[in-house]
Amino acid sequence: MSLKNDIITIKRLLYFLETAKNGQINSTANKNGLKQSNLSNSLKDLEDTLNIQLFTRHNNGVTLTEAGKNIFEIASQLKRVLYRIKSYTTTGFQISGMIRLWVSDGIASGYVSETLPSFYEKYPDVCIDIKCTIDAPVLSDEADIFLVYEKPRQNDAVILSENTLTFALFASTKYITKYGAPKNINDLLANHVICTRDNFSRTWKEWQKIMENAKHISVQTNSSSMLMQVTKDGIGIALHPIGLGLKEPDLVQLSKTNFFLKHPFWLVSRKDTKDIPKVRALINHISDAIKNL
């Protein structure tokens, strides 16, 4: 195959990767400044070249066939190589440039954020691109470092540590002044207001029982930061990581309830990026911070 044909194939594979990631041809074309017809033709040409069907096409988008999934796994190496090449000039032996950090919502606020000032004191030329989400990453090449509540399953993911967050019930001093503190779980269920995250019941059966028997539920949200805010505002009692709750001067841990829940989380990187100096520097920094959770 000639160099020209190789270049065309690489271009088509990159289009294929983006389309597979987005699940739609229209949105992929729009995001990348392409005509839909040109992108569709490129994908069809790739299928003809490989003599396989890559996508099953639906009214609302496309999904990968089994063959498409295999090609996707292979072609993903292209994105990783391109990232390494583009990062090389800013890495070398210098700690500078962009680091992509994927953080599950709930770990980012109060934990990751408070470690950054001391990191930037050492490495002022680094920019950290933080993606905070309740979703687990689909592709390992979406970031360089991951702090996630779900154990990664990607082949090139490297688990650096498995850790645990312990949650307890907290209320604000404003709430306690007005309503008092629950004496026990039964008192909590019958006489107090509860705020919650909508995924807590799916995470813990114990919390699901609390929700099923609670008389007063005032707020349900998908955001840890919002849950913290409504707790601080005195709207109700909520479940928070102990380390985070104790840092808030207006919150009080409700120790009389003797209610604790634990959840694992993982610090993860990738085989091809974990030893890049800038990435390794942030990994070491986060690892030290985790020890204090």
C-alpha atoms as a PDB file:
ATOM      1  CA  MET A   1       0.000   0.000   0.000  1.00  0.00           C
ATOM      2  CA  SER A   2       1.372   3.443  -0.939  1.00  0.00           C
ATOM      3  CA  LEU A   3       1.980   6.257   1.533  1.00  0.00           C
ATOM      4  CA  LYS A   4      -0.913   8.178   0.016  1.00  0.00           C
ATOM      5  CA  ASN A   5      -3.297   5.300   0.604  1.00  0.00           C
ATOM      6  CA  ASP A   6      -1.994   4.868   4.153  1.00  0.00           C
ATOM      7  CA  ILE A   7      -2.724   8.523   4.877  1.00  0.00           C
ATOM      8  CA  ILE A   8      -6.268   8.162   3.521  1.00  0.00           C
ATOM      9  CA  THR A   9      -6.851   5.051   5.641  1.00  0.00           C
ATOM     10  CA  ILE A  10      -5.580   6.781   8.788  1.00  0.00           C
ATOM     11  CA  LYS A  11      -7.893   9.719   8.141  1.00  0.00           C
ATOM     12  CA  ARG A  12     -10.856   7.385   7.682  1.00  0.00           C
ATOM     13  CA  LEU A  13      -9.989   5.508  10.856  1.00  0.00           C
ATOM     14  CA  LEU A  14      -9.933   8.754  12.842  1.00  0.00           C
ATOM     15  CA  TYR A  15     -13.351   9.627  11.453  1.00  0.00           C
ATOM     16  CA  PHE A  16     -14.505   6.144  12.392  1.00  0.00           C
ATOM     17  CA  LEU A  17     -13.246   6.527  15.977  1.00  0.00           C
ATOM     18  CA  GLU A  18     -15.028   9.829  16.463  1.00  0.00           C
ATOM     19  CA  THR A  19     -18.273   8.495  15.000  1.00  0.00           C
ATOM     20  CA  ALA A  20     -18.142   5.395  17.197  1.00  0.00           C
ATOM     21  CA  LYS A  21     -17.535   7.558  20.245  1.00  0.00           C
ATOM     22  CA  ASN A  22     -20.439   9.913  19.470  1.00  0.00           C
ATOM     23  CA  GLY A  23     -22.829   7.241  18.198  1.00  0.00           C
ATOM     24  CA  GLN A  24     -24.139   9.587  15.509  1.00  0.00           C
ATOM     25  CA  ILE A  25     -22.912  10.627  12.082  1.00  0.00           C
ATOM     26  CA  ASN A  26     -24.659  14.017  12.095  1.00  0.00           C
ATOM     27  CA  SER A  27     -23.229  15.223  15.403  1.00  0.00           C
ATOM     28  CA  THR A  28     -19.746  13.910  14.541  1.00  0.00           C
ATOM     29  CA  ALA A  29     -19.803  15.810  11.252  1.00  0.00           C
ATOM     30  CA  ASN A  30     -20.992  19.015  12.930  1.00  0.00           C
ATOM     31  CA  LYS A  31     -18.401  18.839  15.725  1.00  0.00           C
ATOM     32  CA  ASN A  32     -15.570  18.378  13.237  1.00  0.00           C
ATOM     33  CA  GLY A  33     -16.642  20.837  10.545  1.00  0.00           C
ATOM     34  CA  LEU A  34     -17.523  18.140   8.013  1.00  0.00           C
ATOM     35  CA  LYS A  35     -20.417  17.620   5.689  1.00  0.00           C
ATOM     36  CA  GLN A  36     -22.550  14.694   6.728  1.00  0.00           C
ATOM     37  CA  SER A  37     -22.398  13.244   3.222  1.00  0.00           C
ATOM     38  CA  ASN A  38     -18.586  13.409   3.172  1.00  0.00           C
ATOM     39  CA  LEU A  39     -18.323  11.676   6.550  1.00  0.00           C
ATOM     40  CA  SER A  40     -20.832   8.998   5.512  1.00  0.00           C
ATOM     41  CA  ASN A  41     -18.910   8.367   2.314  1.00  0.00           C
ATOM     42  CA  SER A  42     -15.618   8.132   4.206  1.00  0.00           C
ATOM     43  CA  LEU A  43     -17.056   5.550   6.593  1.00  0.00           C
ATOM     44  CA  LYS A  44     -18.523   3.570   3.705  1.00  0.00           C
ATOM     45  CA  ASP A  45     -15.168   3.655   1.892  1.00  0.00           C
ATOM     46  CA  LEU A  46     -13.454   2.334   5.039  1.00  0.00           C
ATOM     47  CA  GLU A  47     -15.948  -0.522   5.231  1.00  0.00           C
ATOM     48  CA  ASP A  48     -15.343  -1.325   1.561  1.00  0.00           C
ATOM     49  CA  THR A  49     -11.563  -1.220   2.042  1.00  0.00           C
ATOM     50  CA  LEU A  50     -11.708  -3.559   5.027  1.00  0.00           C
ATOM     51  CA  ASN A  51     -14.513  -5.612   3.460  1.00  0.00           C
ATOM     52  CA  ILE A  52     -16.495  -5.605   6.721  1.00  0.00           C
ATOM     53  CA  GLN A  53     -19.495  -3.788   8.139  1.00  0.00           C
ATOM     54  CA  LEU A  54     -18.408  -1.481  10.958  1.00  0.00           C
ATOM     55  CA  PHE A  55     -21.737   0.016  11.990  1.00  0.00           C
ATOM     56  CA  THR A  56     -25.337  -0.975  12.335  1.00  0.00           C
ATOM     57  CA  ARG A  57     -27.294   2.092  11.304  1.00  0.00           C
ATOM     58  CA  HIS A  58     -30.477   3.126  13.141  1.00  0.00           C
ATOM     59  CA  ASN A  59     -32.869   6.075  12.929  1.00  0.00           C
ATOM     60  CA  ASN A  60     -31.298   7.659  16.009  1.00  0.00           C
ATOM     61  CA  GLY A  61     -27.651   6.848  15.308  1.00  0.00           C
ATOM     62  CA  VAL A  62     -25.163   4.049  14.790  1.00  0.00           C
ATOM     63  CA  THR A  63     -23.780   1.206  16.897  1.00  0.00           C
ATOM     64  CA  LEU A  64     -20.674  -0.862  16.357  1.00  0.00           C
ATOM     65  CA  THR A  65     -20.929  -4.361  14.958  1.00  0.00           C
ATOM     66  CA  GLU A  66     -18.746  -7.070  16.500  1.00  0.00           C
ATOM     67  CA  ALA A  67     -16.222  -6.505  13.723  1.00  0.00           C
ATOM     68  CA  GLY A  68     -16.506  -2.770  14.329  1.00  0.00           C
ATOM     69  CA  LYS A  69     -15.681  -3.257  18.015  1.00  0.00           C
ATOM     70  CA  ASN A  70     -12.528  -5.165  17.064  1.00  0.00           C
ATOM     71  CA  ILE A  71     -11.430  -2.455  14.631  1.00  0.00           C
ATOM     72  CA  PHE A  72     -12.257   0.191  17.224  1.00  0.00           C
ATOM     73  CA  GLU A  73      -9.921  -1.452  19.763  1.00  0.00           C
ATOM     74  CA  ILE A  74      -7.110  -1.585  17.211  1.00  0.00           C
ATOM     75  CA  ALA A  75      -7.684   1.895  15.786  1.00  0.00           C
ATOM     76  CA  SER A  76      -7.725   3.452  19.261  1.00  0.00           C
ATOM     77  CA  GLN A  77      -3.954   3.037  19.251  1.00  0.00           C
ATOM     78  CA  LEU A  78      -3.841   5.803  16.630  1.00  0.00           C
ATOM     79  CA  LYS A  79      -5.328   8.338  19.038  1.00  0.00           C
ATOM     80  CA  ARG A  80      -2.865   7.329  21.727  1.00  0.00           C
ATOM     81  CA  VAL A  81       0.109   7.670  19.411  1.00  0.00           C
ATOM     82  CA  LEU A  82      -1.070  11.099  18.260  1.00  0.00           C
ATOM     83  CA  TYR A  83      -1.499  12.231  21.852  1.00  0.00           C
ATOM     84  CA  ARG A  84       1.989  11.035  22.775  1.00  0.00           C
ATOM     85  CA  ILE A  85       3.474  12.860  19.780  1.00  0.00           C
ATOM     86  CA  LYS A  86       1.642  16.106  20.548  1.00  0.00           C
ATOM     87  CA  SER A  87       2.591  15.846  24.216  1.00  0.00           C
ATOM     88  CA  TYR A  88       6.263  15.119  23.578  1.00  0.00           C
ATOM     89  CA  THR A  89       7.369  18.724  23.041  1.00  0.00           C
ATOM     90  CA  THR A  90       5.741  19.798  26.303  1.00  0.00           C
ATOM     91  CA  THR A  91       6.915  16.835  28.357  1.00  0.00           C
ATOM     92  CA  GLY A  92      10.467  15.723  27.754  1.00  0.00           C
ATOM     93  CA  PHE A  93      11.920  16.018  31.229  1.00  0.00           C
ATOM     94  CA  GLN A  94       9.927  19.135  32.028  1.00  0.00           C
ATOM     95  CA  ILE A  95       6.819  19.241  34.186  1.00  0.00           C
ATOM     96  CA  SER A  96       4.644  21.444  31.980  1.00  0.00           C
ATOM     97  CA  GLY A  97       1.763  21.320  29.533  1.00  0.00           C
ATOM     98  CA  MET A  98      -1.718  19.791  29.741  1.00  0.00           C
ATOM     99  CA  ILE A  99      -2.743  16.853  31.948  1.00  0.00           C
ATOM    100  CA  ARG A 100      -6.225  15.389  31.502  1.00  0.00           C
ATOM    101  CA  LEU A 101      -7.865  14.297  34.763  1.00  0.00           C
ATOM    102  CA  TRP A 102     -11.186  12.423  34.877  1.00  0.00           C
ATOM    103  CA  VAL A 103     -12.846  12.547  38.310  1.00  0.00           C
ATOM    104  CA  SER A 104     -16.100  10.990  39.464  1.00  0.00           C
ATOM    105  CA  ASP A 105     -18.451  13.556  40.990  1.00  0.00           C
ATOM    106  CA  GLY A 106     -18.081  13.411  44.752  1.00  0.00           C
ATOM    107  CA  ILE A 107     -14.328  12.891  44.725  1.00  0.00           C
ATOM    108  CA  ALA A 108     -13.471  16.088  42.887  1.00  0.00           C
ATOM    109  CA  SER A 109     -14.978  18.648  45.211  1.00  0.00           C
ATOM    110  CA  GLY A 110     -13.159  18.964  48.498  1.00  0.00           C
ATOM    111  CA  TYR A 111     -10.531  16.320  47.737  1.00  0.00           C
ATOM    112  CA  VAL A 112      -8.909  16.900  44.361  1.00  0.00           C
ATOM    113  CA  SER A 113      -9.515  20.642  44.366  1.00  0.00           C
ATOM    114  CA  GLU A 114      -7.818  21.255  47.700  1.00  0.00           C
ATOM    115  CA  THR A 115      -4.659  19.404  46.628  1.00  0.00           C
ATOM    116  CA  LEU A 116      -4.089  21.623  43.600  1.00  0.00           C
ATOM    117  CA  PRO A 117      -2.621  24.770  45.232  1.00  0.00           C
ATOM    118  CA  SER A 118       0.377  22.867  46.587  1.00  0.00           C
ATOM    119  CA  PHE A 119       0.773  21.069  43.238  1.00  0.00           C
ATOM    120  CA  TYR A 120       0.876  24.370  41.350  1.00  0.00           C
ATOM    121  CA  GLU A 121       3.463  25.718  43.774  1.00  0.00           C
ATOM    122  CA  LYS A 122       5.789  22.998  42.493  1.00  0.00           C
ATOM    123  CA  TYR A 123       4.625  22.938  38.864  1.00  0.00           C
ATOM    124  CA  PRO A 124       3.246  26.351  37.835  1.00  0.00           C
ATOM    125  CA  ASP A 125       3.496  25.588  34.106  1.00  0.00           C
ATOM    126  CA  VAL A 126       1.013  22.711  34.188  1.00  0.00           C
ATOM    127  CA  CYS A 127      -2.621  23.081  33.136  1.00  0.00           C
ATOM    128  CA  ILE A 128      -4.999  20.372  34.407  1.00  0.00           C
ATOM    129  CA  ASP A 129      -8.050  19.713  32.255  1.00  0.00           C
ATOM    130  CA  ILE A 130     -10.531  18.280  34.787  1.00  0.00           C
ATOM    131  CA  LYS A 131     -13.617  16.414  33.645  1.00  0.00           C
ATOM    132  CA  CYS A 132     -16.005  15.891  36.556  1.00  0.00           C
ATOM    133  CA  THR A 133     -18.915  13.558  35.842  1.00  0.00           C
ATOM    134  CA  ILE A 134     -21.156  10.904  37.343  1.00  0.00           C
ATOM    135  CA  ASP A 135     -20.455   8.703  34.301  1.00  0.00           C
ATOM    136  CA  ALA A 136     -17.651   6.168  33.998  1.00  0.00           C
ATOM    137  CA  PRO A 137     -15.259   6.687  31.067  1.00  0.00           C
ATOM    138  CA  VAL A 138     -15.978   4.567  28.003  1.00  0.00           C
ATOM    139  CA  LEU A 139     -12.503   4.942  26.522  1.00  0.00           C
ATOM    140  CA  SER A 140      -9.273   4.938  28.488  1.00  0.00           C
ATOM    141  CA  ASP A 141      -7.767   7.522  26.125  1.00  0.00           C
ATOM    142  CA  GLU A 142     -10.261  10.150  27.299  1.00  0.00           C
ATOM    143  CA  ALA A 143      -7.846  11.150  30.086  1.00  0.00           C
ATOM    144  CA  ASP A 144      -4.376  10.537  31.493  1.00  0.00           C
ATOM    145  CA  ILE A 145      -5.441   9.957  35.103  1.00  0.00           C
ATOM    146  CA  PHE A 146      -8.754   8.736  36.485  1.00  0.00           C
ATOM    147  CA  LEU A 147     -10.286   8.873  39.967  1.00  0.00           C
ATOM    148  CA  VAL A 148     -13.405   6.764  39.582  1.00  0.00           C
ATOM    149  CA  TYR A 149     -16.013   4.921  41.630  1.00  0.00           C
ATOM    150  CA  GLU A 150     -16.150   2.032  39.147  1.00  0.00           C
ATOM    151  CA  LYS A 151     -13.315  -0.431  38.659  1.00  0.00           C
ATOM    152  CA  PRO A 152     -11.905   0.129  35.136  1.00  0.00           C
ATOM    153  CA  ARG A 153     -12.222  -2.660  32.581  1.00  0.00           C
ATOM    154  CA  GLN A 154     -10.215  -1.232  29.668  1.00  0.00           C
ATOM    155  CA  ASN A 155      -7.289  -3.403  28.599  1.00  0.00           C
ATOM    156  CA  ASP A 156      -4.712  -0.624  28.802  1.00  0.00           C
ATOM    157  CA  ALA A 157      -5.880   0.743  32.161  1.00  0.00           C
ATOM    158  CA  VAL A 158      -3.388   0.484  35.019  1.00  0.00           C
ATOM    159  CA  ILE A 159      -4.854   0.461  38.532  1.00  0.00           C
ATOM    160  CA  LEU A 160      -2.476   2.434  40.733  1.00  0.00           C
ATOM    161  CA  SER A 161      -4.431   2.054  43.973  1.00  0.00           C
ATOM    162  CA  GLU A 162      -7.786   0.933  45.340  1.00  0.00           C
ATOM    163  CA  ASN A 163      -9.132   3.151  48.100  1.00  0.00           C
ATOM    164  CA  THR A 164     -12.188   3.640  50.279  1.00  0.00           C
ATOM    165  CA  LEU A 165     -14.351   6.615  51.200  1.00  0.00           C
ATOM    166  CA  THR A 166     -16.387   6.383  54.397  1.00  0.00           C
ATOM    167  CA  PHE A 167     -19.699   8.283  54.473  1.00  0.00           C
ATOM    168  CA  ALA A 168     -21.661   9.484  57.505  1.00  0.00           C
ATOM    169  CA  LEU A 169     -24.695  11.664  58.221  1.00  0.00           C
ATOM    170  CA  PHE A 170     -24.208  15.426  58.582  1.00  0.00           C
ATOM    171  CA  ALA A 171     -26.417  18.392  59.404  1.00  0.00           C
ATOM    172  CA  SER A 172     -25.711  22.103  59.580  1.00  0.00           C
ATOM    173  CA  THR A 173     -25.627  24.017  62.847  1.00  0.00           C
ATOM    174  CA  LYS A 174     -28.574  26.001  61.467  1.00  0.00           C
ATOM    175  CA  TYR A 175     -30.603  22.810  61.067  1.00  0.00           C
ATOM    176  CA  ILE A 176     -29.670  21.473  64.514  1.00  0.00           C
ATOM    177  CA  THR A 177     -30.506  24.787  66.178  1.00  0.00           C
ATOM    178  CA  LYS A 178     -33.965  24.719  64.617  1.00  0.00           C
ATOM    179  CA  TYR A 179     -34.854  21.015  64.712  1.00  0.00           C
ATOM    180  CA  GLY A 180     -32.316  19.368  66.998  1.00  0.00           C
ATOM    181  CA  ALA A 181     -30.113  16.380  66.148  1.00  0.00           C
ATOM    182  CA  PRO A 182     -31.597  12.888  65.645  1.00  0.00           C
ATOM    183  CA  LYS A 183     -31.087  10.631  68.641  1.00  0.00           C
ATOM    184  CA  ASN A 184     -30.921   7.496  66.510  1.00  0.00           C
ATOM    185  CA  ILE A 185     -31.920   6.166  63.085  1.00  0.00           C
ATOM    186  CA  ASN A 186     -35.567   5.697  64.071  1.00  0.00           C
ATOM    187  CA  ASP A 187     -35.724   9.326  65.204  1.00  0.00           C
ATOM    188  CA  LEU A 188     -34.107  10.360  61.907  1.00  0.00           C
ATOM    189  CA  LEU A 189     -36.682   8.457  59.867  1.00  0.00           C
ATOM    190  CA  ALA A 190     -39.709   9.680  61.786  1.00  0.00           C
ATOM    191  CA  ASN A 191     -38.909  13.262  62.709  1.00  0.00           C
ATOM    192  CA  HIS A 192     -36.209  14.715  60.448  1.00  0.00           C
ATOM    193  CA  VAL A 193     -35.737  15.970  56.910  1.00  0.00           C
ATOM    194  CA  ILE A 194     -33.379  14.079  54.585  1.00  0.00           C
ATOM    195  CA  CYS A 195     -31.558  15.216  51.439  1.00  0.00           C
ATOM    196  CA  THR A 196     -29.982  12.678  49.116  1.00  0.00           C
ATOM    197  CA  ARG A 197     -28.198  11.959  45.863  1.00  0.00           C
ATOM    198  CA  ASP A 198     -30.268   9.963  43.403  1.00  0.00           C
ATOM    199  CA  ASN A 199     -27.605   7.273  42.977  1.00  0.00           C
ATOM    200  CA  PHE A 200     -27.126   6.551  46.690  1.00  0.00           C
ATOM    201  CA  SER A 201     -30.032   4.101  46.818  1.00  0.00           C
ATOM    202  CA  ARG A 202     -28.590   2.205  43.850  1.00  0.00           C
ATOM    203  CA  THR A 203     -25.188   2.131  45.519  1.00  0.00           C
ATOM    204  CA  TRP A 204     -26.179   1.002  49.005  1.00  0.00           C
ATOM    205  CA  LYS A 205     -29.083  -1.248  50.001  1.00  0.00           C
ATOM    206  CA  GLU A 206     -28.837   0.208  53.501  1.00  0.00           C
ATOM    207  CA  TRP A 207     -29.510   3.696  52.152  1.00  0.00           C
ATOM    208  CA  GLN A 208     -32.339   2.410  49.978  1.00  0.00           C
ATOM    209  CA  LYS A 209     -34.060   1.187  53.150  1.00  0.00           C
ATOM    210  CA  ILE A 210     -33.559   4.613  54.721  1.00  0.00           C
ATOM    211  CA  MET A 211     -35.246   6.243  51.719  1.00  0.00           C
ATOM    212  CA  GLU A 212     -38.116   3.772  51.738  1.00  0.00           C
ATOM    213  CA  ASN A 213     -38.890   4.435  55.420  1.00  0.00           C
ATOM    214  CA  ALA A 214     -38.105   8.146  55.709  1.00  0.00           C
ATOM    215  CA  LYS A 215     -41.111  10.387  56.362  1.00  0.00           C
ATOM    216  CA  HIS A 216     -39.589  13.595  55.016  1.00  0.00           C
ATOM    217  CA  ILE A 217     -37.307  13.792  51.938  1.00  0.00           C
ATOM    218  CA  SER A 218     -36.784  17.365  50.825  1.00  0.00           C
ATOM    219  CA  VAL A 219     -34.122  17.239  48.090  1.00  0.00           C
ATOM    220  CA  GLN A 220     -32.844  14.651  45.622  1.00  0.00           C
ATOM    221  CA  THR A 221     -30.012  15.650  43.290  1.00  0.00           C
ATOM    222  CA  ASN A 222     -27.405  14.127  40.977  1.00  0.00           C
ATOM    223  CA  SER A 223     -24.720  16.548  42.194  1.00  0.00           C
ATOM    224  CA  SER A 224     -22.471  16.108  45.229  1.00  0.00           C
ATOM    225  CA  SER A 225     -21.744  19.832  45.363  1.00  0.00           C
ATOM    226  CA  MET A 226     -25.474  20.632  45.338  1.00  0.00           C
ATOM    227  CA  LEU A 227     -26.090  18.069  48.079  1.00  0.00           C
ATOM    228  CA  MET A 228     -23.374  19.713  50.159  1.00  0.00           C
ATOM    229  CA  GLN A 229     -24.847  23.150  49.561  1.00  0.00           C
ATOM    230  CA  VAL A 230     -28.402  22.241  50.602  1.00  0.00           C
ATOM    231  CA  THR A 231     -26.986  20.558  53.724  1.00  0.00           C
ATOM    232  CA  LYS A 232     -25.027  23.703  54.610  1.00  0.00           C
ATOM    233  CA  ASP A 233     -28.145  25.793  53.979  1.00  0.00           C
ATOM    234  CA  GLY A 234     -30.005  23.828  56.657  1.00  0.00           C
ATOM    235  CA  ILE A 235     -32.551  22.220  54.350  1.00  0.00           C
ATOM    236  CA  GLY A 236     -31.978  18.728  55.685  1.00  0.00           C
ATOM    237  CA  ILE A 237     -29.664  15.948  56.827  1.00  0.00           C
ATOM    238  CA  ALA A 238     -27.476  14.241  54.219  1.00  0.00           C
ATOM    239  CA  LEU A 239     -24.844  11.613  53.686  1.00  0.00           C
ATOM    240  CA  HIS A 240     -21.328  12.930  52.956  1.00  0.00           C
ATOM    241  CA  PRO A 241     -17.773  11.554  52.986  1.00  0.00           C
ATOM    242  CA  ILE A 242     -16.508  12.004  56.541  1.00  0.00           C
ATOM    243  CA  GLY A 243     -13.282  13.712  55.485  1.00  0.00           C
ATOM    244  CA  LEU A 244     -15.219  16.233  53.422  1.00  0.00           C
ATOM    245  CA  GLY A 245     -17.964  16.871  55.956  1.00  0.00           C
ATOM    246  CA  LEU A 246     -15.535  17.513  58.807  1.00  0.00           C
ATOM    247  CA  LYS A 247     -13.805  20.219  56.772  1.00  0.00           C
ATOM    248  CA  GLU A 248     -16.997  22.271  56.663  1.00  0.00           C
ATOM    249  CA  PRO A 249     -17.142  24.530  59.739  1.00  0.00           C
ATOM    250  CA  ASP A 250     -20.943  24.758  59.669  1.00  0.00           C
ATOM    251  CA  LEU A 251     -21.549  20.995  59.493  1.00  0.00           C
ATOM    252  CA  VAL A 252     -21.816  18.556  62.382  1.00  0.00           C
ATOM    253  CA  GLN A 253     -21.385  14.798  62.073  1.00  0.00           C
ATOM    254  CA  LEU A 254     -24.397  13.039  63.594  1.00  0.00           C
ATOM    255  CA  SER A 255     -22.436  10.444  65.504  1.00  0.00           C
ATOM    256  CA  LYS A 256     -25.407   9.317  67.641  1.00  0.00           C
ATOM    257  CA  THR A 257     -26.977   7.685  64.588  1.00  0.00           C
ATOM    258  CA  ASN A 258     -23.932   5.391  64.339  1.00  0.00           C
ATOM    259  CA  PHE A 259     -24.572   5.173  60.605  1.00  0.00           C
ATOM    260  CA  PHE A 260     -21.614   4.645  58.260  1.00  0.00           C
ATOM    261  CA  LEU A 261     -21.337   3.495  54.646  1.00  0.00           C
ATOM    262  CA  LYS A 262     -18.208   2.735  52.635  1.00  0.00           C
ATOM    263  CA  HIS A 263     -17.531   2.965  48.920  1.00  0.00           C
ATOM    264  CA  PRO A 264     -14.402   1.990  46.962  1.00  0.00           C
ATOM    265  CA  PHE A 265     -12.724   4.204  44.409  1.00  0.00           C
ATOM    266  CA  TRP A 266      -9.749   3.678  42.133  1.00  0.00           C
ATOM    267  CA  LEU A 267      -6.789   5.783  41.052  1.00  0.00           C
ATOM    268  CA  VAL A 268      -6.063   4.744  37.475  1.00  0.00           C
ATOM    269  CA  SER A 269      -3.797   5.688  34.598  1.00  0.00           C
ATOM    270  CA  ARG A 270      -2.842   4.169  31.248  1.00  0.00           C
ATOM    271  CA  LYS A 271       0.122   2.033  30.275  1.00  0.00           C
ATOM    272  CA  ASP A 272       1.282   4.532  27.670  1.00  0.00           C
ATOM    273  CA  THR A 273       0.950   7.712  29.778  1.00  0.00           C
ATOM    274  CA  LYS A 274       1.554   6.804  33.434  1.00  0.00           C
ATOM    275  CA  ASP A 275       5.312   7.399  33.217  1.00  0.00           C
ATOM    276  CA  ILE A 276       5.215  10.691  31.320  1.00  0.00           C
ATOM    277  CA  PRO A 277       6.906  13.069  33.809  1.00  0.00           C
ATOM    278  CA  LYS A 278       4.011  15.532  34.121  1.00  0.00           C
ATOM    279  CA  VAL A 279       1.476  12.708  34.533  1.00  0.00           C
ATOM    280  CA  ARG A 280       3.631  10.886  37.065  1.00  0.00           C
ATOM    281  CA  ALA A 281       4.028  14.122  39.049  1.00  0.00           C
ATOM    282  CA  LEU A 282       0.258  14.530  39.395  1.00  0.00           C
ATOM    283  CA  ILE A 283      -0.219  10.812  40.136  1.00  0.00           C
ATOM    284  CA  ASN A 284       2.270  11.040  43.009  1.00  0.00           C
ATOM    285  CA  HIS A 285       0.632  14.203  44.300  1.00  0.00           C
ATOM    286  CA  ILE A 286      -2.869  12.686  44.269  1.00  0.00           C
ATOM    287  CA  SER A 287      -1.577   9.448  45.819  1.00  0.00           C
ATOM    288  CA  ASP A 288      -0.155  11.400  48.757  1.00  0.00           C
ATOM    289  CA  ALA A 289      -3.444  13.279  49.187  1.00  0.00           C
ATOM    290  CA  ILE A 290      -5.471  10.036  49.175  1.00  0.00           C
ATOM    291  CA  LYS A 291      -3.494   8.802  52.180  1.00  0.00           C
ATOM    292  CA  ASN A 292      -5.034  11.626  54.203  1.00  0.00           C
ATOM    293  CA  LEU A 293      -8.667  10.906  53.267  1.00  0.00           C
END
